[in-house]
C-alpha atoms as a PDB file:
ATOM      1  CA  MET A   1       0.000   0.000   0.000  1.00  0.00           C
ATOM      2  CA  HIS A   2       1.341   3.414  -0.977  1.00  0.00           C
ATOM      3  CA  LYS A   3       1.767   6.030   1.726  1.00  0.00           C
ATOM      4  CA  VAL A   4       1.229   9.494   0.260  1.00  0.00           C
ATOM      5  CA  GLN A   5       3.959  11.947   1.213  1.00  0.00           C
ATOM      6  CA  PRO A   6       3.492  15.683   1.870  1.00  0.00           C
ATOM      7  CA  GLY A   7       3.146  17.557  -1.411  1.00  0.00           C
ATOM      8  CA  GLU A   8       2.250  14.388  -3.319  1.00  0.00           C
ATOM      9  CA  ALA A   9      -0.942  13.441  -5.135  1.00  0.00           C
ATOM     10  CA  TYR A  10      -1.323   9.744  -5.913  1.00  0.00           C
ATOM     11  CA  VAL A  11      -3.442   8.117  -8.624  1.00  0.00           C
ATOM     12  CA  GLU A  12      -4.924   5.187  -6.705  1.00  0.00           C
ATOM     13  CA  TRP A  13      -6.803   3.611  -9.592  1.00  0.00           C
ATOM     14  CA  VAL A  14      -7.580   4.407 -13.212  1.00  0.00           C
ATOM     15  CA  ALA A  15      -9.242   2.273 -15.865  1.00  0.00           C
ATOM     16  CA  VAL A  16     -10.740   2.675 -19.313  1.00  0.00           C
ATOM     17  CA  SER A  17     -13.280   0.145 -20.561  1.00  0.00           C
ATOM     18  CA  ALA A  18     -12.051  -2.058 -23.378  1.00  0.00           C
ATOM     19  CA  ASN A  19     -14.448  -0.582 -25.939  1.00  0.00           C
ATOM     20  CA  ALA A  20     -13.224   2.973 -25.180  1.00  0.00           C
ATOM     21  CA  ARG A  21      -9.484   2.270 -25.370  1.00  0.00           C
ATOM     22  CA  GLY A  22      -7.494   3.987 -28.069  1.00  0.00           C
ATOM     23  CA  GLN A  23      -9.925   6.899 -28.276  1.00  0.00           C
ATOM     24  CA  GLY A  24      -8.147   9.336 -25.960  1.00  0.00           C
ATOM     25  CA  ALA A  25     -10.038   8.624 -22.731  1.00  0.00           C
ATOM     26  CA  GLY A  26      -6.884   7.615 -20.841  1.00  0.00           C
ATOM     27  CA  THR A  27      -5.054  10.706 -22.067  1.00  0.00           C
ATOM     28  CA  LEU A  28      -7.906  12.911 -20.849  1.00  0.00           C
ATOM     29  CA  LEU A  29      -7.947  11.152 -17.471  1.00  0.00           C
ATOM     30  CA  MET A  30      -4.193  11.650 -17.013  1.00  0.00           C
ATOM     31  CA  ARG A  31      -4.493  15.314 -18.038  1.00  0.00           C
ATOM     32  CA  TRP A  32      -7.325  15.765 -15.517  1.00  0.00           C
ATOM     33  CA  ALA A  33      -5.250  14.077 -12.798  1.00  0.00           C
ATOM     34  CA  LYS A  34      -2.295  16.405 -13.417  1.00  0.00           C
ATOM     35  CA  GLU A  35      -4.465  19.529 -13.539  1.00  0.00           C
ATOM     36  CA  THR A  36      -6.335  18.553 -10.384  1.00  0.00           C
ATOM     37  CA  ALA A  37      -3.104  17.746  -8.544  1.00  0.00           C
ATOM     38  CA  LEU A  38      -1.677  21.156  -9.453  1.00  0.00           C
ATOM     39  CA  GLU A  39      -4.902  22.951  -8.470  1.00  0.00           C
ATOM     40  CA  GLN A  40      -4.756  21.228  -5.079  1.00  0.00           C
ATOM     41  CA  GLY A  41      -1.150  22.362  -4.568  1.00  0.00           C
ATOM     42  CA  ALA A  42       0.599  19.050  -5.170  1.00  0.00           C
ATOM     43  CA  GLU A  43       4.270  19.179  -6.048  1.00  0.00           C
ATOM     44  CA  ARG A  44       4.357  15.565  -7.284  1.00  0.00           C
ATOM     45  CA  LEU A  45       1.885  13.231  -8.929  1.00  0.00           C
ATOM     46  CA  THR A  46       2.626   9.518  -8.705  1.00  0.00           C
ATOM     47  CA  LEU A  47       1.051   6.177  -9.497  1.00  0.00           C
ATOM     48  CA  GLY A  48       1.962   2.518  -9.249  1.00  0.00           C
ATOM     49  CA  VAL A  49       1.543  -0.031 -12.008  1.00  0.00           C
ATOM     50  CA  VAL A  50       2.221  -3.711 -12.579  1.00  0.00           C
ATOM     51  CA  ASN A  51       5.112  -4.295 -14.997  1.00  0.00           C
ATOM     52  CA  GLY A  52       3.858  -5.344 -18.395  1.00  0.00           C
ATOM     53  CA  ASN A  53       0.620  -3.364 -18.093  1.00  0.00           C
ATOM     54  CA  PRO A  54      -0.102  -1.885 -21.539  1.00  0.00           C
ATOM     55  CA  ALA A  55      -1.125   1.402 -19.853  1.00  0.00           C
ATOM     56  CA  ILE A  56       2.561   2.090 -19.107  1.00  0.00           C
ATOM     57  CA  SER A  57       2.882   3.612 -22.575  1.00  0.00           C
ATOM     58  CA  LEU A  58      -0.030   5.954 -21.755  1.00  0.00           C
ATOM     59  CA  TYR A  59       1.670   7.036 -18.532  1.00  0.00           C
ATOM     60  CA  GLU A  60       4.962   7.643 -20.324  1.00  0.00           C
ATOM     61  CA  ARG A  61       3.229   9.663 -23.085  1.00  0.00           C
ATOM     62  CA  SER A  62       1.584  11.681 -20.302  1.00  0.00           C
ATOM     63  CA  GLY A  63       5.015  12.627 -18.938  1.00  0.00           C
ATOM     64  CA  PHE A  64       5.355  10.074 -16.142  1.00  0.00           C
ATOM     65  CA  VAL A  65       8.844   8.658 -15.635  1.00  0.00           C
ATOM     66  CA  LYS A  66       9.716   5.368 -13.978  1.00  0.00           C
ATOM     67  CA  GLN A  67      11.136   5.675 -10.476  1.00  0.00           C
ATOM     68  CA  GLN A  68      12.998   3.120  -8.397  1.00  0.00           C
ATOM     69  CA  GLN A  69      10.620   1.541  -5.909  1.00  0.00           C
ATOM     70  CA  PRO A  70      12.274  -0.662  -3.279  1.00  0.00           C
ATOM     71  CA  PHE A  71       8.917  -2.123  -2.196  1.00  0.00           C
ATOM     72  CA  CYS A  72       8.291  -3.476  -5.682  1.00  0.00           C
ATOM     73  CA  GLU A  73      11.766  -4.861  -6.119  1.00  0.00           C
ATOM     74  CA  THR A  74      11.925  -6.489  -2.717  1.00  0.00           C
ATOM     75  CA  LEU A  75       8.448  -7.882  -2.214  1.00  0.00           C
ATOM     76  CA  LEU A  76       7.194  -8.464  -5.725  1.00  0.00           C
ATOM     77  CA  ASP A  77      10.389  -9.352  -7.585  1.00  0.00           C
ATOM     78  CA  ASN A  78      10.160  -6.528 -10.118  1.00  0.00           C
ATOM     79  CA  TYR A  79       6.523  -7.123 -10.998  1.00  0.00           C
ATOM     80  CA  CYS A  80       5.498  -3.571 -10.318  1.00  0.00           C
ATOM     81  CA  GLY A  81       6.796  -0.093 -10.968  1.00  0.00           C
ATOM     82  CA  ALA A  82       6.282   3.429  -9.738  1.00  0.00           C
ATOM     83  CA  PHE A  83       5.906   6.405 -12.028  1.00  0.00           C
ATOM     84  CA  CYS A  84       6.099  10.088 -11.272  1.00  0.00           C
ATOM     85  CA  VAL A  85       5.294  13.365 -13.022  1.00  0.00           C
ATOM     86  CA  LEU A  86       5.528  16.933 -11.711  1.00  0.00           C
ATOM     87  CA  GLY A  87       8.669  17.755  -9.794  1.00  0.00           C
ATOM     88  CA  CYS A  88      10.359  14.368 -10.117  1.00  0.00           C
END
């Protein structure tokens, strides 16, 4: 479980239904998340994702960058990753 740090906004969960994928819904959701985080005074916006999830390319296109996450590496043997945008 992720513990949100001061100045951080965290995307707990995001999903786009299969029939809406590839139509820009995910991009709009990520844009909304960034705008809302900034409006609320966040200095960082983060999310966690399972390695191999096809949404990783969406997060990267949205400006998120992969961060080292000891929890993932230690407990889940590199099956998850953490991404960050805004002040990373």
